[in-house]
Amino acid sequence: MPGAGKTTLARALEQAGLVRLCPDEEMFRRYGHYGRDFPRGQFRVREAPVLKSVADDLHRLIASGRDVVVDHGFWTPEDRAEWRNNILKAGGSPILVYLPVPHEVRWNRIRERNAKSLVDPNSIEFSESDLLRFAGRFHAPTNSEPHVLYAGNPDLVLAKMHALRPEAPGDQL
């Protein structure tokens, strides 16, 4: 969910040597500000080619042996399964990280980000009613989807990643 801390975690993993791919930043680069430079109703239409491009980059990076973190929400089991299968096809080992954060915390973070929306490509401005609507579309991972429950320590995510491949690079998040 927006405001859960995905980008903060992804940036910490990037500092640890992973390549970070961020569809929101690519959306900003290609189209500008959501709701200002392009209409709100066009987000999903414009996002589709961006996600395809990010998926292609992910596949190429994994195939070359790089560790990658995709800074994206993956809101449904179907989306997560599609990305997981693509990672597996490229020879990677996917790790799904779930960041369960209460609405109040997410909304406070988003209010702060809204103030930076004109300069920060990760700060897509939206309202609390948008956030509540998004919550209705988000499906948290269940026990049938292997995942790491994130509690604020990026080192635990890195340890999980390294446990999957003790001697060789190539695991992806």
C-alpha atoms as a PDB file:
ATOM      1  CA  MET A   1       0.000   0.000   0.000  1.00  0.00           C
ATOM      2  CA  PRO A   2       1.123   3.568  -0.540  1.00  0.00           C
ATOM      3  CA  GLY A   3       2.909   4.943   2.498  1.00  0.00           C
ATOM      4  CA  ALA A   4       3.888   1.514   3.830  1.00  0.00           C
ATOM      5  CA  GLY A   5       7.623   2.159   3.449  1.00  0.00           C
ATOM      6  CA  LYS A   6       8.363   0.315   0.199  1.00  0.00           C
ATOM      7  CA  THR A   7      10.630   3.007  -1.192  1.00  0.00           C
ATOM      8  CA  THR A   8      12.483   3.469   2.096  1.00  0.00           C
ATOM      9  CA  LEU A   9      13.168  -0.277   2.208  1.00  0.00           C
ATOM     10  CA  ALA A  10      14.037  -0.431  -1.496  1.00  0.00           C
ATOM     11  CA  ARG A  11      16.518   2.439  -1.119  1.00  0.00           C
ATOM     12  CA  ALA A  12      18.153   0.686   1.854  1.00  0.00           C
ATOM     13  CA  LEU A  13      18.499  -2.471  -0.251  1.00  0.00           C
ATOM     14  CA  GLU A  14      19.899  -0.374  -3.089  1.00  0.00           C
ATOM     15  CA  GLN A  15      22.529   0.987  -0.687  1.00  0.00           C
ATOM     16  CA  ALA A  16      23.391  -2.648   0.087  1.00  0.00           C
ATOM     17  CA  GLY A  17      24.144  -3.261  -3.600  1.00  0.00           C
ATOM     18  CA  LEU A  18      20.857  -4.257  -5.208  1.00  0.00           C
ATOM     19  CA  VAL A  19      19.613  -2.561  -8.368  1.00  0.00           C
ATOM     20  CA  ARG A  20      16.373  -0.699  -7.607  1.00  0.00           C
ATOM     21  CA  LEU A  21      13.651  -0.547 -10.261  1.00  0.00           C
ATOM     22  CA  CYS A  22      10.763   1.820  -9.554  1.00  0.00           C
ATOM     23  CA  PRO A  23       7.731   2.037 -11.869  1.00  0.00           C
ATOM     24  CA  ASP A  24       6.498   5.238 -10.161  1.00  0.00           C
ATOM     25  CA  GLU A  25       9.762   7.017 -10.937  1.00  0.00           C
ATOM     26  CA  GLU A  26       9.598   5.839 -14.542  1.00  0.00           C
ATOM     27  CA  MET A  27       5.991   7.072 -14.767  1.00  0.00           C
ATOM     28  CA  PHE A  28       7.140  10.478 -13.531  1.00  0.00           C
ATOM     29  CA  ARG A  29      10.066  10.523 -15.989  1.00  0.00           C
ATOM     30  CA  ARG A  30       7.849   9.664 -18.958  1.00  0.00           C
ATOM     31  CA  TYR A  31       4.632  11.498 -18.167  1.00  0.00           C
ATOM     32  CA  GLY A  32       5.220  14.032 -15.407  1.00  0.00           C
ATOM     33  CA  HIS A  33       2.931  14.642 -12.459  1.00  0.00           C
ATOM     34  CA  TYR A  34      -0.125  12.480 -12.035  1.00  0.00           C
ATOM     35  CA  GLY A  35      -3.252  14.590 -12.109  1.00  0.00           C
ATOM     36  CA  ARG A  36      -1.436  17.649 -13.416  1.00  0.00           C
ATOM     37  CA  ASP A  37       0.579  16.671 -16.493  1.00  0.00           C
ATOM     38  CA  PHE A  38      -1.792  13.851 -17.392  1.00  0.00           C
ATOM     39  CA  PRO A  39      -5.353  13.153 -16.240  1.00  0.00           C
ATOM     40  CA  ARG A  40      -5.999  11.020 -13.160  1.00  0.00           C
ATOM     41  CA  GLY A  41      -8.121   8.567 -15.143  1.00  0.00           C
ATOM     42  CA  GLN A  42      -5.180   7.687 -17.424  1.00  0.00           C
ATOM     43  CA  PHE A  43      -2.854   6.262 -14.782  1.00  0.00           C
ATOM     44  CA  ARG A  44      -3.418   2.575 -15.486  1.00  0.00           C
ATOM     45  CA  VAL A  45      -3.307   3.033 -19.255  1.00  0.00           C
ATOM     46  CA  ARG A  46       0.009   4.852 -19.024  1.00  0.00           C
ATOM     47  CA  GLU A  47       1.341   2.507 -16.370  1.00  0.00           C
ATOM     48  CA  ALA A  48       0.976  -0.629 -18.557  1.00  0.00           C
ATOM     49  CA  PRO A  49       3.934   0.111 -20.894  1.00  0.00           C
ATOM     50  CA  VAL A  50       6.009   1.287 -17.930  1.00  0.00           C
ATOM     51  CA  LEU A  51       5.428  -2.003 -16.112  1.00  0.00           C
ATOM     52  CA  LYS A  52       6.339  -3.903 -19.284  1.00  0.00           C
ATOM     53  CA  SER A  53       9.583  -1.927 -19.566  1.00  0.00           C
ATOM     54  CA  VAL A  54      10.425  -2.501 -15.889  1.00  0.00           C
ATOM     55  CA  ALA A  55       9.678  -6.223 -16.275  1.00  0.00           C
ATOM     56  CA  ASP A  56      12.019  -6.362 -19.280  1.00  0.00           C
ATOM     57  CA  ASP A  57      14.756  -4.564 -17.315  1.00  0.00           C
ATOM     58  CA  LEU A  58      14.208  -6.932 -14.392  1.00  0.00           C
ATOM     59  CA  HIS A  59      14.539  -9.978 -16.634  1.00  0.00           C
ATOM     60  CA  ARG A  60      17.733  -8.633 -18.232  1.00  0.00           C
ATOM     61  CA  LEU A  61      19.300  -7.777 -14.862  1.00  0.00           C
ATOM     62  CA  ILE A  62      18.441 -11.135 -13.315  1.00  0.00           C
ATOM     63  CA  ALA A  63      19.767 -12.997 -16.342  1.00  0.00           C
ATOM     64  CA  SER A  64      23.038 -11.078 -15.963  1.00  0.00           C
ATOM     65  CA  GLY A  65      23.306 -12.185 -12.314  1.00  0.00           C
ATOM     66  CA  ARG A  66      22.331  -8.947 -10.605  1.00  0.00           C
ATOM     67  CA  ASP A  67      20.338  -8.688  -7.381  1.00  0.00           C
ATOM     68  CA  VAL A  68      17.276  -6.507  -7.900  1.00  0.00           C
ATOM     69  CA  VAL A  69      14.556  -4.931  -5.796  1.00  0.00           C
ATOM     70  CA  VAL A  70      11.364  -3.823  -7.522  1.00  0.00           C
ATOM     71  CA  ASP A  71       9.918  -0.830  -5.667  1.00  0.00           C
ATOM     72  CA  HIS A  72       6.263  -1.511  -6.463  1.00  0.00           C
ATOM     73  CA  GLY A  73       3.041  -2.449  -4.674  1.00  0.00           C
ATOM     74  CA  PHE A  74       2.039  -5.783  -6.234  1.00  0.00           C
ATOM     75  CA  TRP A  75      -1.521  -5.383  -4.943  1.00  0.00           C
ATOM     76  CA  THR A  76      -3.057  -8.673  -6.055  1.00  0.00           C
ATOM     77  CA  PRO A  77      -2.085 -12.336  -5.944  1.00  0.00           C
ATOM     78  CA  GLU A  78      -2.365 -12.403  -9.749  1.00  0.00           C
ATOM     79  CA  ASP A  79       0.131  -9.531 -10.140  1.00  0.00           C
ATOM     80  CA  ARG A  80       2.501 -11.150  -7.682  1.00  0.00           C
ATOM     81  CA  ALA A  81       2.256 -14.521  -9.438  1.00  0.00           C
ATOM     82  CA  GLU A  82       3.000 -12.925 -12.815  1.00  0.00           C
ATOM     83  CA  TRP A  83       6.101 -11.119 -11.526  1.00  0.00           C
ATOM     84  CA  ARG A  84       7.208 -14.213  -9.582  1.00  0.00           C
ATOM     85  CA  ASN A  85       6.959 -16.366 -12.716  1.00  0.00           C
ATOM     86  CA  ASN A  86       8.926 -13.825 -14.740  1.00  0.00           C
ATOM     87  CA  ILE A  87      11.672 -13.793 -12.114  1.00  0.00           C
ATOM     88  CA  LEU A  88      11.802 -17.585 -12.069  1.00  0.00           C
ATOM     89  CA  LYS A  89      11.977 -17.705 -15.893  1.00  0.00           C
ATOM     90  CA  ALA A  90      14.967 -15.368 -15.778  1.00  0.00           C
ATOM     91  CA  GLY A  91      16.724 -17.658 -13.314  1.00  0.00           C
ATOM     92  CA  GLY A  92      16.104 -15.651 -10.155  1.00  0.00           C
ATOM     93  CA  SER A  93      14.713 -16.479  -6.740  1.00  0.00           C
ATOM     94  CA  PRO A  94      11.903 -14.072  -5.846  1.00  0.00           C
ATOM     95  CA  ILE A  95      11.259 -12.860  -2.310  1.00  0.00           C
ATOM     96  CA  LEU A  96       7.970 -11.115  -1.616  1.00  0.00           C
ATOM     97  CA  VAL A  97       8.221  -8.608   1.224  1.00  0.00           C
ATOM     98  CA  TYR A  98       4.987  -7.516   2.914  1.00  0.00           C
ATOM     99  CA  LEU A  99       4.946  -4.252   4.855  1.00  0.00           C
ATOM    100  CA  PRO A 100       1.815  -4.237   7.049  1.00  0.00           C
ATOM    101  CA  VAL A 101       1.380  -0.642   8.213  1.00  0.00           C
ATOM    102  CA  PRO A 102      -1.780   0.834   9.778  1.00  0.00           C
ATOM    103  CA  HIS A 103      -3.841   3.327   7.778  1.00  0.00           C
ATOM    104  CA  GLU A 104      -3.070   6.228  10.156  1.00  0.00           C
ATOM    105  CA  VAL A 105       0.681   5.792   9.715  1.00  0.00           C
ATOM    106  CA  ARG A 106       0.372   5.491   5.935  1.00  0.00           C
ATOM    107  CA  TRP A 107      -1.876   8.549   5.728  1.00  0.00           C
ATOM    108  CA  ASN A 108       0.539  10.649   7.842  1.00  0.00           C
ATOM    109  CA  ARG A 109       3.408   9.652   5.541  1.00  0.00           C
ATOM    110  CA  ILE A 110       1.376  10.426   2.431  1.00  0.00           C
ATOM    111  CA  ARG A 111       0.364  13.853   3.748  1.00  0.00           C
ATOM    112  CA  GLU A 112       4.071  14.630   4.160  1.00  0.00           C
ATOM    113  CA  ARG A 113       4.811  13.299   0.656  1.00  0.00           C
ATOM    114  CA  ASN A 114       1.965  15.280  -0.888  1.00  0.00           C
ATOM    115  CA  ALA A 115       3.830  18.451   0.042  1.00  0.00           C
ATOM    116  CA  LYS A 116       6.771  17.239  -2.090  1.00  0.00           C
ATOM    117  CA  SER A 117       4.763  15.938  -5.032  1.00  0.00           C
ATOM    118  CA  LEU A 118       6.079  18.501  -7.501  1.00  0.00           C
ATOM    119  CA  VAL A 119       9.725  17.566  -6.919  1.00  0.00           C
ATOM    120  CA  ASP A 120       9.712  13.920  -5.803  1.00  0.00           C
ATOM    121  CA  PRO A 121       8.751  11.316  -8.425  1.00  0.00           C
ATOM    122  CA  ASN A 122       7.772   8.915  -5.646  1.00  0.00           C
ATOM    123  CA  SER A 123       5.313  11.406  -4.177  1.00  0.00           C
ATOM    124  CA  ILE A 124       2.184  10.925  -6.242  1.00  0.00           C
ATOM    125  CA  GLU A 125      -0.304  13.291  -4.648  1.00  0.00           C
ATOM    126  CA  PHE A 126      -3.600  11.812  -3.526  1.00  0.00           C
ATOM    127  CA  SER A 127      -6.209  12.184  -0.811  1.00  0.00           C
ATOM    128  CA  GLU A 128      -7.144  10.107   2.188  1.00  0.00           C
ATOM    129  CA  SER A 129     -10.275   8.983   0.357  1.00  0.00           C
ATOM    130  CA  ASP A 130      -7.991   7.742  -2.464  1.00  0.00           C
ATOM    131  CA  LEU A 131      -5.942   5.812   0.096  1.00  0.00           C
ATOM    132  CA  LEU A 132      -9.076   4.244   1.563  1.00  0.00           C
ATOM    133  CA  ARG A 133     -10.277   3.296  -1.928  1.00  0.00           C
ATOM    134  CA  PHE A 134      -6.884   1.743  -2.684  1.00  0.00           C
ATOM    135  CA  ALA A 135      -7.130  -0.327   0.501  1.00  0.00           C
ATOM    136  CA  GLY A 136     -10.250  -1.940  -0.923  1.00  0.00           C
ATOM    137  CA  ARG A 137      -8.264  -3.127  -3.953  1.00  0.00           C
ATOM    138  CA  PHE A 138      -5.190  -4.350  -2.073  1.00  0.00           C
ATOM    139  CA  HIS A 139      -4.942  -8.046  -1.208  1.00  0.00           C
ATOM    140  CA  ALA A 140      -2.357  -8.849   1.441  1.00  0.00           C
ATOM    141  CA  PRO A 141      -0.344 -12.002   0.848  1.00  0.00           C
ATOM    142  CA  THR A 142      -1.729 -15.110   2.490  1.00  0.00           C
ATOM    143  CA  ASN A 143       0.056 -18.193   3.778  1.00  0.00           C
ATOM    144  CA  SER A 144      -0.256 -19.660   0.277  1.00  0.00           C
ATOM    145  CA  GLU A 145       2.124 -16.950  -0.996  1.00  0.00           C
ATOM    146  CA  PRO A 146       5.579 -17.261   0.549  1.00  0.00           C
ATOM    147  CA  HIS A 147       6.573 -13.857   1.894  1.00  0.00           C
ATOM    148  CA  VAL A 148       8.704 -12.041   4.437  1.00  0.00           C
ATOM    149  CA  LEU A 149       6.810  -9.952   6.964  1.00  0.00           C
ATOM    150  CA  TYR A 150       8.796  -6.729   7.197  1.00  0.00           C
ATOM    151  CA  ALA A 151       9.208  -5.221  10.656  1.00  0.00           C
ATOM    152  CA  GLY A 152      11.605  -2.379   9.880  1.00  0.00           C
ATOM    153  CA  ASN A 153      14.996  -4.073   9.557  1.00  0.00           C
ATOM    154  CA  PRO A 154      16.381  -4.267   5.989  1.00  0.00           C
ATOM    155  CA  ASP A 155      19.190  -6.541   7.210  1.00  0.00           C
ATOM    156  CA  LEU A 156      16.650  -9.301   7.841  1.00  0.00           C
ATOM    157  CA  VAL A 157      15.478  -9.057   4.229  1.00  0.00           C
ATOM    158  CA  LEU A 158      19.085  -9.222   3.049  1.00  0.00           C
ATOM    159  CA  ALA A 159      19.709 -12.239   5.289  1.00  0.00           C
ATOM    160  CA  LYS A 160      16.695 -14.009   3.781  1.00  0.00           C
ATOM    161  CA  MET A 161      17.983 -13.222   0.309  1.00  0.00           C
ATOM    162  CA  HIS A 162      21.477 -14.478   1.100  1.00  0.00           C
ATOM    163  CA  ALA A 163      20.083 -17.649   2.703  1.00  0.00           C
ATOM    164  CA  LEU A 164      18.597 -18.551  -0.671  1.00  0.00           C
ATOM    165  CA  ARG A 165      21.992 -18.409  -2.341  1.00  0.00           C
ATOM    166  CA  PRO A 166      24.902 -18.764   0.021  1.00  0.00           C
ATOM    167  CA  GLU A 167      27.585 -18.907  -2.654  1.00  0.00           C
ATOM    168  CA  ALA A 168      26.362 -17.181  -5.838  1.00  0.00           C
ATOM    169  CA  PRO A 169      24.626 -13.933  -6.824  1.00  0.00           C
ATOM    170  CA  GLY A 170      21.336 -13.838  -8.677  1.00  0.00           C
ATOM    171  CA  ASP A 171      18.501 -13.645  -6.169  1.00  0.00           C
ATOM    172  CA  GLN A 172      15.950 -10.934  -6.626  1.00  0.00           C
ATOM    173  CA  LEU A 173      13.293  -9.225  -4.540  1.00  0.00           C
END
